[in-house]
N, C-alpha and C. Protein backbone atom coordinates (compact mmCIF):
# COMPACT_ATOMS: atom_id res chain seq x y z
N MET A 1 9.06 40.09 40.45
CA MET A 1 10.27 39.68 39.70
C MET A 1 11.33 40.75 39.73
N ILE A 2 12.53 40.44 39.95
CA ILE A 2 13.62 41.23 39.88
C ILE A 2 13.99 41.56 38.44
N PRO A 3 14.03 42.76 37.89
CA PRO A 3 14.42 42.95 36.56
C PRO A 3 15.92 42.53 36.43
N ARG A 4 16.37 41.87 35.33
CA ARG A 4 17.72 41.65 35.14
C ARG A 4 18.20 42.21 33.82
N ILE A 5 19.04 43.24 34.01
CA ILE A 5 19.52 43.91 32.76
C ILE A 5 21.08 43.45 32.63
N GLU A 6 21.24 42.85 31.38
CA GLU A 6 22.52 42.27 30.94
C GLU A 6 23.12 43.21 29.93
N ILE A 7 24.16 43.74 29.99
CA ILE A 7 24.73 44.67 28.99
C ILE A 7 26.00 43.86 28.46
N CYS A 8 25.98 43.61 27.13
CA CYS A 8 27.08 42.81 26.53
C CYS A 8 28.33 43.71 26.64
N ILE A 9 29.49 43.05 27.00
CA ILE A 9 30.66 43.74 27.24
C ILE A 9 31.74 43.06 26.44
N GLY A 10 31.27 42.34 25.31
CA GLY A 10 32.17 41.83 24.32
C GLY A 10 32.73 43.10 23.77
N SER A 11 33.96 42.92 23.04
CA SER A 11 34.77 44.12 22.57
C SER A 11 33.94 44.95 21.55
N SER A 12 33.15 44.19 20.59
CA SER A 12 32.34 44.85 19.58
C SER A 12 31.22 45.72 20.17
N CYS A 13 30.47 45.09 20.99
CA CYS A 13 29.31 45.88 21.61
C CYS A 13 29.82 46.88 22.51
N PHE A 14 30.83 46.60 23.22
CA PHE A 14 31.46 47.72 24.24
C PHE A 14 31.86 48.92 23.56
N SER A 15 32.63 48.68 22.28
CA SER A 15 33.14 49.83 21.66
C SER A 15 32.03 50.51 20.88
N ARG A 16 30.95 49.80 20.45
CA ARG A 16 29.88 50.28 19.61
C ARG A 16 28.96 51.13 20.55
N GLY A 17 28.93 51.10 21.87
CA GLY A 17 28.17 51.93 22.60
C GLY A 17 27.84 51.50 24.11
N ASN A 18 28.18 50.15 24.26
CA ASN A 18 27.62 49.65 25.60
C ASN A 18 28.63 50.19 26.82
N ALA A 19 29.64 50.77 26.43
CA ALA A 19 30.48 51.36 27.67
C ALA A 19 29.62 52.45 28.01
N LYS A 20 28.97 53.38 27.12
CA LYS A 20 28.18 54.53 27.49
C LYS A 20 26.96 53.99 28.14
N ASN A 21 26.33 52.86 27.49
CA ASN A 21 25.08 52.38 28.23
C ASN A 21 25.24 52.02 29.66
N VAL A 22 26.43 51.23 30.00
CA VAL A 22 26.65 51.08 31.42
C VAL A 22 26.68 52.26 32.16
N GLU A 23 27.39 53.26 31.78
CA GLU A 23 27.31 54.60 32.56
C GLU A 23 25.91 55.22 32.61
N LEU A 24 25.10 55.13 31.59
CA LEU A 24 23.74 55.68 31.51
C LEU A 24 22.91 55.05 32.61
N VAL A 25 22.96 53.68 32.72
CA VAL A 25 22.21 52.89 33.54
C VAL A 25 22.44 53.33 34.97
N GLU A 26 23.76 53.24 35.34
CA GLU A 26 24.25 53.69 36.65
C GLU A 26 23.68 54.95 37.06
N LYS A 27 23.87 56.03 36.09
CA LYS A 27 23.58 57.40 36.47
C LYS A 27 21.92 57.46 36.54
N TYR A 28 21.25 56.81 35.68
CA TYR A 28 19.76 56.76 35.86
C TYR A 28 19.21 56.16 36.99
N LEU A 29 19.86 55.14 37.60
CA LEU A 29 19.43 54.48 38.80
C LEU A 29 19.80 55.53 40.00
N ALA A 30 20.97 56.10 39.97
CA ALA A 30 21.36 56.86 41.03
C ALA A 30 20.56 58.32 41.14
N GLU A 31 20.36 58.78 39.97
CA GLU A 31 19.50 60.12 39.85
C GLU A 31 17.98 59.91 40.44
N ARG A 32 17.50 58.73 40.24
CA ARG A 32 16.07 58.49 40.57
C ARG A 32 16.04 57.84 41.86
N GLY A 33 17.24 57.49 42.52
CA GLY A 33 17.19 56.77 43.77
C GLY A 33 16.61 55.29 43.59
N LEU A 34 16.53 54.87 42.50
CA LEU A 34 16.09 53.43 42.20
C LEU A 34 16.90 52.37 42.57
N GLN A 35 18.25 52.66 42.77
CA GLN A 35 19.15 51.64 43.21
C GLN A 35 18.72 50.92 44.60
N ASP A 36 18.19 51.75 45.35
CA ASP A 36 17.73 51.29 46.69
C ASP A 36 16.28 50.87 46.73
N GLU A 37 15.37 51.36 45.87
CA GLU A 37 14.00 51.08 45.85
C GLU A 37 13.59 49.87 44.83
N VAL A 38 14.31 49.68 43.84
CA VAL A 38 14.10 48.67 42.99
C VAL A 38 15.37 47.70 42.89
N ASP A 39 15.00 46.38 43.13
CA ASP A 39 16.15 45.45 42.96
C ASP A 39 16.50 45.18 41.45
N VAL A 40 17.56 45.55 40.92
CA VAL A 40 18.07 45.37 39.71
C VAL A 40 19.30 44.56 39.61
N ALA A 41 19.36 43.51 38.79
CA ALA A 41 20.54 42.76 38.66
C ALA A 41 21.18 43.23 37.41
N LEU A 42 22.13 44.11 37.61
CA LEU A 42 22.90 44.83 36.43
C LEU A 42 24.15 44.07 36.33
N CYS A 43 24.33 43.35 35.17
CA CYS A 43 25.59 42.55 35.04
C CYS A 43 26.13 42.71 33.63
N GLY A 44 27.37 42.64 33.63
CA GLY A 44 28.01 42.60 32.24
C GLY A 44 27.76 41.16 31.68
N LYS A 45 27.85 40.98 30.39
CA LYS A 45 27.71 39.82 29.71
C LYS A 45 28.60 39.76 28.58
N LEU A 46 29.27 38.62 28.50
CA LEU A 46 30.34 38.49 27.41
C LEU A 46 29.54 38.35 26.05
N CYS A 47 30.18 38.18 25.14
CA CYS A 47 29.71 38.19 23.72
C CYS A 47 28.45 37.30 23.50
N THR A 48 27.51 37.90 22.90
CA THR A 48 26.19 37.05 22.71
C THR A 48 26.28 36.43 21.37
N GLY A 49 27.27 36.77 20.49
CA GLY A 49 27.23 36.24 19.14
C GLY A 49 26.39 37.02 18.24
N LEU A 50 25.94 38.18 18.59
CA LEU A 50 25.21 39.05 17.77
C LEU A 50 26.02 40.45 17.53
N CYS A 51 27.29 40.17 17.30
CA CYS A 51 28.12 41.32 17.21
C CYS A 51 27.69 42.33 16.03
N PRO A 52 27.25 41.90 14.93
CA PRO A 52 26.78 42.77 13.83
C PRO A 52 25.68 43.70 14.15
N HIS A 53 24.89 43.27 15.23
CA HIS A 53 23.70 44.05 15.66
C HIS A 53 23.89 44.77 16.91
N GLY A 54 25.16 44.88 17.34
CA GLY A 54 25.40 45.54 18.66
C GLY A 54 25.32 47.07 18.48
N PRO A 55 25.31 47.69 19.72
CA PRO A 55 25.30 47.12 20.99
C PRO A 55 24.14 46.31 21.46
N VAL A 56 24.30 45.21 22.22
CA VAL A 56 23.14 44.44 22.64
C VAL A 56 23.04 44.48 24.07
N VAL A 57 21.83 44.47 24.37
CA VAL A 57 21.25 44.65 25.87
C VAL A 57 20.15 43.49 26.11
N THR A 58 20.20 42.73 27.02
CA THR A 58 19.16 41.79 27.29
C THR A 58 18.41 42.13 28.65
N VAL A 59 17.16 42.23 28.58
CA VAL A 59 16.41 42.36 29.98
C VAL A 59 15.43 41.32 30.12
N ASP A 60 15.50 40.63 31.23
CA ASP A 60 14.74 39.61 31.50
C ASP A 60 14.52 38.50 30.27
N GLY A 61 15.66 38.33 29.68
CA GLY A 61 15.69 37.37 28.57
C GLY A 61 15.30 37.99 27.21
N LYS A 62 14.79 39.11 27.11
CA LYS A 62 14.49 39.75 25.86
C LYS A 62 15.73 40.55 25.33
N VAL A 63 16.08 40.32 24.00
CA VAL A 63 17.20 40.84 23.48
C VAL A 63 16.87 41.95 22.65
N TYR A 64 17.62 43.16 22.95
CA TYR A 64 17.38 44.37 22.27
C TYR A 64 18.78 44.61 21.44
N LYS A 65 18.65 44.98 20.21
CA LYS A 65 19.86 45.08 19.32
C LYS A 65 19.96 46.73 18.85
N GLN A 66 21.19 47.08 18.65
CA GLN A 66 21.56 48.31 18.21
C GLN A 66 21.10 49.41 19.21
N VAL A 67 21.34 49.13 20.59
CA VAL A 67 20.82 49.99 21.58
C VAL A 67 21.61 51.24 21.67
N ASP A 68 21.01 52.32 21.37
CA ASP A 68 21.58 53.65 21.57
C ASP A 68 20.98 54.21 22.91
N ARG A 69 21.43 55.48 23.04
CA ARG A 69 21.11 56.25 24.33
C ARG A 69 19.52 56.20 24.45
N GLY A 70 18.89 56.68 23.44
CA GLY A 70 17.35 56.91 23.47
C GLY A 70 16.71 55.51 23.69
N MET A 71 17.20 54.48 23.13
CA MET A 71 16.55 53.16 23.23
C MET A 71 16.78 52.55 24.79
N MET A 72 18.04 52.95 25.19
CA MET A 72 18.41 52.47 26.58
C MET A 72 17.49 53.20 27.54
N LEU A 73 17.37 54.43 27.42
CA LEU A 73 16.34 55.15 28.37
C LEU A 73 14.91 54.65 28.44
N GLU A 74 14.49 54.23 27.11
CA GLU A 74 13.12 53.55 26.90
C GLU A 74 13.09 52.33 27.69
N ILE A 75 14.15 51.51 27.52
CA ILE A 75 14.28 50.21 28.12
C ILE A 75 14.17 50.31 29.70
N LEU A 76 14.73 51.36 30.05
CA LEU A 76 14.84 51.53 31.63
C LEU A 76 13.38 52.02 32.13
N ARG A 77 12.92 52.91 31.42
CA ARG A 77 11.54 53.35 31.82
C ARG A 77 10.60 52.22 31.71
N ASP A 78 10.64 51.31 30.77
CA ASP A 78 9.69 50.26 30.67
C ASP A 78 9.88 49.33 31.70
N CYS A 79 11.15 48.87 31.96
CA CYS A 79 11.36 47.72 32.99
C CYS A 79 11.48 48.16 34.36
N LEU A 80 11.70 49.48 34.69
CA LEU A 80 11.86 49.91 36.13
C LEU A 80 10.65 50.84 36.47
N GLU A 81 10.49 51.92 35.81
CA GLU A 81 9.54 52.85 36.19
C GLU A 81 8.10 52.45 36.26
N ARG A 82 7.74 51.81 35.15
CA ARG A 82 6.33 51.42 35.03
C ARG A 82 5.99 50.24 36.08
N LYS A 83 7.07 49.46 36.38
CA LYS A 83 6.96 48.55 37.50
C LYS A 83 6.75 48.99 38.85
N LYS A 84 7.37 50.21 39.04
CA LYS A 84 7.35 50.87 40.46
C LYS A 84 6.27 52.03 40.39
N GLY A 85 5.70 52.41 39.21
CA GLY A 85 4.79 53.49 39.20
C GLY A 85 5.55 54.96 39.27
N VAL A 86 6.83 54.89 38.92
CA VAL A 86 7.56 56.17 39.06
C VAL A 86 7.50 56.89 37.82
N GLU A 87 7.38 58.23 37.82
CA GLU A 87 7.34 59.01 36.74
C GLU A 87 8.67 59.87 36.52
């Protein structure tokens, strides 16, 4: 299954931290060479209606709320590295 990472780019989530989360995901994939080894559908997502709980990130249908840098890294490790056996 191809992991699907959706990062809300509604104004509230984007300003609360998802602008940085997008950068973090892109950098993470590039540094580990995972953009070529793991198929990831990274897409922006408009408002999820969960603005008070933002920034919001959805991975394979599972919604994560108040996603900061640490949580974003944990999400990436869980959905990408464990799947590929990368350390």
